Amino acid sequence: MTNLPRLGISVGDLAGIGPEIIYKTFLDSRLLKYCTPVVYGTATVLFDDFPVDKQASPLTFRQVRAAADIDPGKLNAVTCWDEDFALTPGQPTEASGRAARQSLLAACRDLKLGLLDGLITAPISKENTQADDFRYPGHTEFLTSFFGAPESLMLLASEELRVATVTGHMPLKDVPGKITKELLATKLRILLQSLKQDFGIDKPRVAVLGLNPHAGENGLLGTEENNTVAPLIQEFLENGHLVYGPFPADGYFGTGQFRSFDATLALYHDQGLIPFKTIAFERGVNFTAGLPVIRTSPDHGTAYGLAGKFAADPTSFREALYLACDLVRQRAGQPTEKR
C-alpha cells in the first residue's frame, strides 16, 4: 500500500444519486489528506451538471486511461467508456445500466491487480444492471464470485451497531431452507474473523437472532432455533467464542440489547437491515466481509426519486469512504487516521 490508500469508486447507475453523492463528498478537499480517490467513469459525463450553485467552482478531476497513471493525493477519474449518451435523472436506461457494469468491472480488475487498495461502490439498480455477462442479484454476490471467495458476509456498520446477515438477496419463502448448520457456522466464522482482523476486536461478543417470532417459543412457533441455531451457538461457546442467542429480534433491538454486543448476526435480509437503517440510516455503511479485498458502500439505493434535485445526503457515502480508509490501514497494520 502507498502512503495514502488508493480507493476505487464505481459510479453505480448514473440515473440515480451516485454521481451526486460522489460529487458532494469530494467538495470537501480535506478528504484528499486521507486517500487518493479514483472514480471509474468519464468525469465530464458524470459531473457536467454540477454544481447547482453556478457561483461555486466545479471539481477538477485528472482524467486518465489507466489506474497506473493516477496522481496520489488528487482527484482521479479512469475512463471506462468512450461513447456519449444522454441521461435523464431518475430514469434508468440500458445505457446507464451498461455504464454501471463497466465502471464496476474496471474498478474490480484494477483492485485484483493491486493498483487499488480498496473499493467503494455507489448504488446500482439490481434490475437495470442485469446482462448476459452479469447475472447477480447485487454487488455482494458479484464481488464474492469475482474475487474467488468461497463465501462472504454482508456486514452493516455504524458507530452505534454492526449487523450481519446469514442470507441476503433471496425471497423470504426460501430463507428457512437455507438456514443450515453449515451455512450458519460459515457466516459466524467470517463475522468473528472480520471483527478481529478488520475492526481490531480481540475477543468479539456476537449475538445471533432467531428465525421465528419470539425465537420459536421453545418449538411452539418453529423448530429452527431448537434444531439448528441453539445447538450451533453452544458449539461455538464450547470452543471459546463469545456467541450468544438465539434472541427474539423485536425485543433484542427494541430494548437496546444490541449495545451489549460487538455485532449481531441476523438470519435474513430485512430482519437485520430494517432495525439497522432505522437506527443508523444516514451514517450506516455496507461492508463485504470475507473477501480478500476491501469493499464498502453506502447503505442506501439509487434513490431515483431524488436524482437531479441536488437533495441527496452524501453522509453514508462519506462514511463508506472513511471506513474503507480505516479498514485498509487496519489490514496493513497501520494506525487509522483521526478525524
Protein backbone atom coordinates (compact mmCIF):
# COMPACT_ATOMS: atom_id res chain seq x y z
CA MET A 1 0.00 0.00 0.00
CA THR A 2 1.19 3.54 -0.78
CA ASN A 3 1.13 6.18 1.94
CA LEU A 4 -2.43 7.23 1.05
CA PRO A 5 -4.95 4.42 0.39
CA ARG A 6 -5.90 4.32 -3.29
CA LEU A 7 -9.66 3.90 -3.29
CA GLY A 8 -11.53 2.99 -6.44
CA ILE A 9 -15.08 4.31 -6.74
CA SER A 10 -17.63 2.69 -9.05
CA VAL A 11 -20.31 5.17 -10.05
CA GLY A 12 -23.42 3.00 -9.86
CA ASP A 13 -26.48 3.75 -12.00
CA LEU A 14 -25.93 7.21 -13.46
CA ALA A 15 -29.67 7.91 -13.43
CA GLY A 16 -29.61 7.65 -9.64
CA ILE A 17 -27.90 9.73 -6.98
CA GLY A 18 -24.47 8.06 -7.30
CA PRO A 19 -22.74 10.91 -9.18
CA GLU A 20 -24.28 13.49 -6.85
CA ILE A 21 -23.16 11.88 -3.59
CA ILE A 22 -19.67 11.33 -5.03
CA TYR A 23 -19.51 14.96 -6.12
CA LYS A 24 -20.79 16.33 -2.81
CA THR A 25 -18.36 14.16 -0.85
CA PHE A 26 -15.31 15.49 -2.66
CA LEU A 27 -16.36 19.12 -2.38
CA ASP A 28 -14.54 18.75 0.95
CA SER A 29 -10.92 18.83 -0.19
CA ARG A 30 -9.75 17.67 3.25
CA LEU A 31 -10.63 14.11 2.22
CA LEU A 32 -7.56 14.14 -0.01
CA LYS A 33 -5.48 14.01 3.19
CA TYR A 34 -6.91 10.54 3.88
CA CYS A 35 -6.95 8.84 0.50
CA THR A 36 -6.38 9.05 -3.26
CA PRO A 37 -9.83 8.73 -4.88
CA VAL A 38 -10.12 7.05 -8.28
CA VAL A 39 -13.57 7.42 -9.85
CA TYR A 40 -14.28 4.92 -12.63
CA GLY A 41 -16.07 6.88 -15.33
CA THR A 42 -15.66 9.92 -17.53
CA ALA A 43 -15.71 13.00 -15.32
CA THR A 44 -17.32 15.21 -17.95
CA VAL A 45 -20.27 12.80 -18.26
CA LEU A 46 -20.63 12.33 -14.53
CA PHE A 47 -20.27 15.86 -13.25
CA ASP A 48 -21.13 18.26 -16.09
CA ASP A 49 -24.41 19.22 -14.43
CA PHE A 50 -22.78 20.13 -11.10
CA PRO A 51 -22.74 22.32 -9.15
CA VAL A 52 -26.27 23.68 -8.97
CA ASP A 53 -24.79 26.79 -7.39
CA LYS A 54 -23.31 28.43 -10.51
CA GLN A 55 -21.07 30.61 -8.32
CA ALA A 56 -19.25 27.56 -6.96
CA SER A 57 -16.11 26.21 -8.58
CA PRO A 58 -16.51 22.79 -10.24
CA LEU A 59 -14.37 19.90 -9.13
CA THR A 60 -11.37 19.15 -11.30
CA PHE A 61 -10.57 15.50 -11.95
CA ARG A 62 -7.38 14.23 -13.51
CA GLN A 63 -8.76 12.02 -16.30
CA VAL A 64 -6.53 9.03 -17.08
CA ARG A 65 -6.80 5.88 -19.16
CA ALA A 66 -5.39 3.51 -16.57
CA ALA A 67 -5.11 3.35 -12.79
CA ALA A 68 -1.34 3.04 -13.13
CA ASP A 69 -1.34 6.74 -14.10
CA ILE A 70 -3.25 8.13 -11.12
CA ASP A 71 -1.81 11.07 -9.20
CA PRO A 72 -1.53 10.46 -5.42
CA GLY A 73 -3.48 12.89 -3.30
CA LYS A 74 -5.51 14.19 -6.26
CA LEU A 75 -9.00 13.56 -7.65
CA ASN A 76 -8.59 10.98 -10.41
CA ALA A 77 -11.03 9.55 -12.94
CA VAL A 78 -10.33 6.45 -15.05
CA THR A 79 -12.04 6.40 -18.45
CA CYS A 80 -14.41 3.41 -18.67
CA TRP A 81 -16.40 4.29 -21.79
CA ASP A 82 -15.91 6.47 -24.84
CA GLU A 83 -19.46 6.75 -26.14
CA ASP A 84 -21.66 9.76 -25.38
CA PHE A 85 -25.15 9.14 -24.09
CA ALA A 86 -27.93 11.33 -22.75
CA LEU A 87 -29.00 10.92 -19.14
CA THR A 88 -32.31 11.84 -17.57
CA PRO A 89 -32.17 11.88 -13.74
CA GLY A 90 -34.48 9.31 -12.24
CA GLN A 91 -34.96 7.38 -15.48
CA PRO A 92 -32.64 4.36 -15.73
CA THR A 93 -31.83 3.18 -19.24
CA GLU A 94 -29.91 0.42 -20.92
CA ALA A 95 -27.01 2.86 -21.28
CA SER A 96 -26.96 3.78 -17.58
CA GLY A 97 -27.03 0.09 -16.63
CA ARG A 98 -24.20 -0.67 -19.03
CA ALA A 99 -22.13 2.22 -17.63
CA ALA A 100 -22.68 0.87 -14.10
CA ARG A 101 -21.36 -2.55 -15.14
CA GLN A 102 -18.38 -1.09 -16.99
CA SER A 103 -17.43 1.09 -14.04
CA LEU A 104 -17.70 -1.77 -11.54
CA LEU A 105 -15.81 -4.27 -13.70
CA ALA A 106 -12.97 -1.84 -14.46
CA ALA A 107 -12.54 -0.96 -10.78
CA CYS A 108 -12.59 -4.63 -9.75
CA ARG A 109 -9.97 -5.57 -12.34
CA ASP A 110 -7.64 -2.88 -11.04
CA LEU A 111 -8.31 -3.90 -7.44
CA LYS A 112 -7.44 -7.50 -8.29
CA LEU A 113 -4.22 -6.33 -9.98
CA GLY A 114 -3.18 -4.42 -6.84
CA LEU A 115 -3.49 -0.99 -8.46
CA LEU A 116 -6.06 -0.06 -5.80
CA ASP A 117 -6.20 -0.68 -2.06
CA GLY A 118 -9.97 -0.70 -1.70
CA LEU A 119 -13.29 -0.14 -3.43
CA ILE A 120 -16.37 1.98 -2.67
CA THR A 121 -19.43 1.14 -4.77
CA ALA A 122 -22.17 3.68 -5.45
CA PRO A 123 -25.70 2.20 -5.69
CA ILE A 124 -26.79 0.15 -8.68
CA SER A 125 -30.24 -0.91 -9.79
CA LYS A 126 -30.21 -4.67 -9.44
CA GLU A 127 -32.76 -4.95 -12.24
CA ASN A 128 -31.18 -2.41 -14.61
CA THR A 129 -27.66 -3.83 -14.23
CA GLN A 130 -28.54 -7.33 -15.43
CA ALA A 131 -26.95 -8.51 -18.69
CA ASP A 132 -25.88 -11.75 -20.33
CA ASP A 133 -22.47 -11.44 -18.66
CA PHE A 134 -23.79 -10.06 -15.34
CA ARG A 135 -26.39 -12.23 -13.62
CA TYR A 136 -26.05 -11.30 -9.97
CA PRO A 137 -28.71 -10.07 -7.51
CA GLY A 138 -26.33 -7.45 -6.10
CA HIS A 139 -22.81 -6.20 -5.55
CA THR A 140 -22.11 -8.71 -2.76
CA GLU A 141 -22.77 -11.78 -4.88
CA PHE A 142 -20.79 -10.42 -7.83
CA LEU A 143 -17.77 -9.48 -5.72
CA THR A 144 -17.77 -12.85 -3.97
CA SER A 145 -17.61 -14.57 -7.36
CA PHE A 146 -15.15 -12.15 -8.97
CA PHE A 147 -12.60 -12.39 -6.17
CA GLY A 148 -12.98 -16.14 -5.75
CA ALA A 149 -14.14 -16.14 -2.15
CA PRO A 150 -15.85 -19.39 -1.10
CA GLU A 151 -18.34 -17.33 0.93
CA SER A 152 -18.82 -13.72 2.06
CA LEU A 153 -20.90 -11.79 4.56
CA MET A 154 -22.92 -8.59 4.28
CA LEU A 155 -21.96 -6.55 7.34
CA LEU A 156 -23.65 -3.22 8.06
CA ALA A 157 -21.57 -0.99 10.31
CA SER A 158 -22.01 2.32 12.12
CA GLU A 159 -20.85 3.87 15.37
CA GLU A 160 -23.98 2.52 17.08
CA LEU A 161 -24.02 -1.09 15.92
CA ARG A 162 -22.89 -3.76 13.45
CA VAL A 163 -25.38 -6.14 11.85
CA ALA A 164 -24.56 -9.06 9.52
CA THR A 165 -26.95 -11.37 7.69
CA VAL A 166 -26.75 -15.12 7.10
CA THR A 167 -28.85 -14.94 3.94
CA GLY A 168 -29.04 -11.99 1.56
CA HIS A 169 -30.94 -11.18 -1.60
CA MET A 170 -33.43 -14.01 -1.83
CA PRO A 171 -37.20 -14.46 -1.49
CA LEU A 172 -38.35 -14.75 2.10
CA LYS A 173 -40.04 -18.10 1.39
CA ASP A 174 -36.62 -19.61 0.59
CA VAL A 175 -34.91 -18.49 3.80
CA PRO A 176 -35.84 -21.36 6.19
CA GLY A 177 -34.41 -23.96 3.84
CA LYS A 178 -31.14 -22.06 3.63
CA ILE A 179 -30.57 -21.83 7.39
CA THR A 180 -28.41 -24.92 7.77
CA LYS A 181 -25.87 -25.61 10.45
CA GLU A 182 -23.09 -25.49 7.85
CA LEU A 183 -24.06 -22.08 6.43
CA LEU A 184 -24.66 -20.58 9.86
CA ALA A 185 -21.25 -21.80 11.06
CA THR A 186 -19.54 -20.38 7.96
CA LYS A 187 -21.13 -16.96 8.41
CA LEU A 188 -20.28 -16.90 12.11
CA ARG A 189 -16.64 -17.71 11.41
CA ILE A 190 -16.42 -14.94 8.80
CA LEU A 191 -18.00 -12.46 11.21
CA LEU A 192 -15.73 -13.37 14.10
CA GLN A 193 -12.64 -13.21 11.89
CA SER A 194 -13.64 -9.86 10.42
CA LEU A 195 -14.29 -8.34 13.84
CA LYS A 196 -10.75 -9.34 14.81
CA GLN A 197 -8.94 -8.59 11.53
CA ASP A 198 -10.83 -5.54 10.31
CA PHE A 199 -12.12 -3.92 13.50
CA GLY A 200 -9.34 -4.86 15.92
CA ILE A 201 -11.59 -6.59 18.49
CA ASP A 202 -9.56 -9.37 20.12
CA LYS A 203 -12.46 -11.23 21.77
CA PRO A 204 -15.66 -10.19 20.00
CA ARG A 205 -19.10 -10.72 21.51
CA VAL A 206 -21.70 -11.77 18.92
CA ALA A 207 -25.46 -12.16 19.26
CA VAL A 208 -27.43 -14.46 16.95
CA LEU A 209 -31.11 -13.78 16.26
CA GLY A 210 -33.84 -16.38 15.99
CA LEU A 211 -35.69 -17.05 12.75
CA ASN A 212 -39.23 -17.21 14.08
CA PRO A 213 -41.32 -14.85 16.24
CA HIS A 214 -40.12 -15.00 19.87
CA ALA A 215 -37.21 -17.14 18.64
CA GLY A 216 -39.59 -20.06 18.14
CA GLU A 217 -41.12 -20.01 21.67
CA ASN A 218 -39.43 -23.33 22.55
CA GLY A 219 -40.68 -25.01 19.39
CA LEU A 220 -44.25 -23.71 19.52
CA LEU A 221 -43.68 -21.21 16.67
CA GLY A 222 -40.98 -23.04 14.75
CA THR A 223 -38.22 -25.58 15.25
CA GLU A 224 -35.22 -23.94 13.53
CA GLU A 225 -33.97 -22.42 16.79
CA ASN A 226 -34.05 -25.66 18.78
CA ASN A 227 -32.81 -27.90 15.96
CA THR A 228 -30.17 -25.71 14.30
CA VAL A 229 -29.41 -22.31 15.78
CA ALA A 230 -29.13 -23.02 19.50
CA PRO A 231 -27.00 -26.21 19.14
CA LEU A 232 -24.54 -24.40 16.88
CA ILE A 233 -24.26 -21.48 19.30
CA GLN A 234 -23.48 -23.98 22.06
CA GLU A 235 -20.70 -25.49 19.92
CA PHE A 236 -19.12 -22.07 19.40
CA LEU A 237 -19.35 -21.32 23.14
CA GLU A 238 -17.67 -24.63 23.97
CA ASN A 239 -14.86 -23.70 21.55
CA GLY A 240 -14.20 -20.46 23.42
CA HIS A 241 -16.16 -17.98 21.27
CA LEU A 242 -18.43 -15.41 22.87
CA VAL A 243 -21.52 -16.20 20.78
CA TYR A 244 -24.97 -15.98 22.35
CA GLY A 245 -28.62 -16.44 21.44
CA PRO A 246 -30.88 -17.06 19.70
CA PHE A 247 -32.58 -13.78 20.63
CA PRO A 248 -36.08 -12.67 19.56
CA ALA A 249 -35.34 -9.87 17.11
CA ASP A 250 -38.05 -7.45 18.21
CA GLY A 251 -37.16 -7.37 21.89
CA TYR A 252 -33.44 -7.52 21.17
CA PHE A 253 -33.47 -4.28 19.19
CA GLY A 254 -36.40 -2.67 21.00
CA THR A 255 -34.72 -2.84 24.41
CA GLY A 256 -31.30 -1.79 23.13
CA GLN A 257 -29.79 -5.17 23.97
CA PHE A 258 -27.67 -4.90 20.80
CA ARG A 259 -25.47 -2.38 22.63
CA SER A 260 -24.04 -5.22 24.74
CA PHE A 261 -22.51 -6.92 21.68
CA ASP A 262 -19.84 -6.11 19.11
CA ALA A 263 -22.05 -7.44 16.30
CA THR A 264 -25.41 -9.03 15.64
CA LEU A 265 -25.98 -11.89 13.20
CA ALA A 266 -29.45 -11.74 11.65
CA LEU A 267 -30.77 -14.73 9.73
CA TYR A 268 -32.30 -12.88 6.78
CA HIS A 269 -32.07 -9.55 4.97
CA ASP A 270 -34.93 -7.49 6.40
CA GLN A 271 -34.52 -8.87 9.92
CA GLY A 272 -31.15 -7.15 10.09
CA LEU A 273 -31.50 -4.22 7.71
CA ILE A 274 -34.78 -2.76 8.95
CA PRO A 275 -33.51 -2.13 12.51
CA PHE A 276 -30.08 -1.11 11.25
CA LYS A 277 -31.45 1.51 8.88
CA THR A 278 -33.94 2.70 11.49
CA ILE A 279 -31.12 3.31 13.95
CA ALA A 280 -28.25 4.36 11.67
CA PHE A 281 -29.57 5.09 8.18
CA GLU A 282 -27.68 8.32 7.49
CA ARG A 283 -24.32 7.09 8.78
CA GLY A 284 -24.52 3.37 8.03
CA VAL A 285 -22.03 1.58 5.78
CA ASN A 286 -22.28 -1.74 3.97
CA PHE A 287 -19.03 -3.75 4.18
CA THR A 288 -18.48 -7.11 2.47
CA ALA A 289 -16.62 -9.26 4.98
CA GLY A 290 -14.84 -12.44 3.94
CA LEU A 291 -13.28 -11.08 0.75
CA PRO A 292 -9.51 -10.81 0.18
CA VAL A 293 -10.11 -7.12 -0.67
CA ILE A 294 -11.79 -4.15 0.99
CA ARG A 295 -15.22 -3.11 -0.32
CA THR A 296 -17.65 -0.68 1.27
CA SER A 297 -20.74 1.15 0.06
CA PRO A 298 -23.45 3.48 1.36
CA ASP A 299 -26.36 1.63 2.93
CA HIS A 300 -28.99 3.08 0.57
CA GLY A 301 -30.08 2.54 -3.02
CA THR A 302 -30.21 4.56 -6.21
CA ALA A 303 -32.99 6.87 -4.91
CA TYR A 304 -34.27 7.66 -8.39
CA GLY A 305 -36.91 9.94 -6.87
CA LEU A 306 -34.20 12.27 -5.56
CA ALA A 307 -31.98 12.20 -8.64
CA GLY A 308 -31.48 15.55 -10.33
CA LYS A 309 -32.79 17.59 -7.40
CA PHE A 310 -29.42 18.05 -5.68
CA ALA A 311 -31.11 16.99 -2.44
CA ALA A 312 -29.32 13.68 -1.77
CA ASP A 313 -27.46 13.31 1.53
CA PRO A 314 -23.84 12.17 0.96
CA THR A 315 -23.23 11.21 4.61
CA SER A 316 -23.43 7.44 4.14
CA PHE A 317 -21.12 7.56 1.12
CA ARG A 318 -18.63 9.69 3.03
CA GLU A 319 -18.75 7.24 5.94
CA ALA A 320 -18.14 4.39 3.47
CA LEU A 321 -15.04 6.23 2.30
CA TYR A 322 -13.79 6.75 5.85
CA LEU A 323 -14.42 3.11 6.77
CA ALA A 324 -12.58 1.91 3.65
CA CYS A 325 -9.58 4.04 4.66
CA ASP A 326 -9.65 2.60 8.18
CA LEU A 327 -10.02 -1.00 7.01
CA VAL A 328 -7.17 -0.71 4.51
CA ARG A 329 -4.88 0.67 7.22
CA GLN A 330 -6.07 -1.90 9.76
CA ARG A 331 -5.26 -4.82 7.44
CA ALA A 332 -1.88 -3.25 6.66
CA GLY A 333 -1.08 -2.94 10.36
CA GLN A 334 -1.05 0.86 10.21
CA PRO A 335 -2.77 3.24 12.65
CA THR A 336 -6.06 4.69 11.47
CA GLU A 337 -6.32 8.42 10.88
CA LYS A 338 -8.08 10.62 13.43
CA ARG A 339 -10.86 12.79 12.02
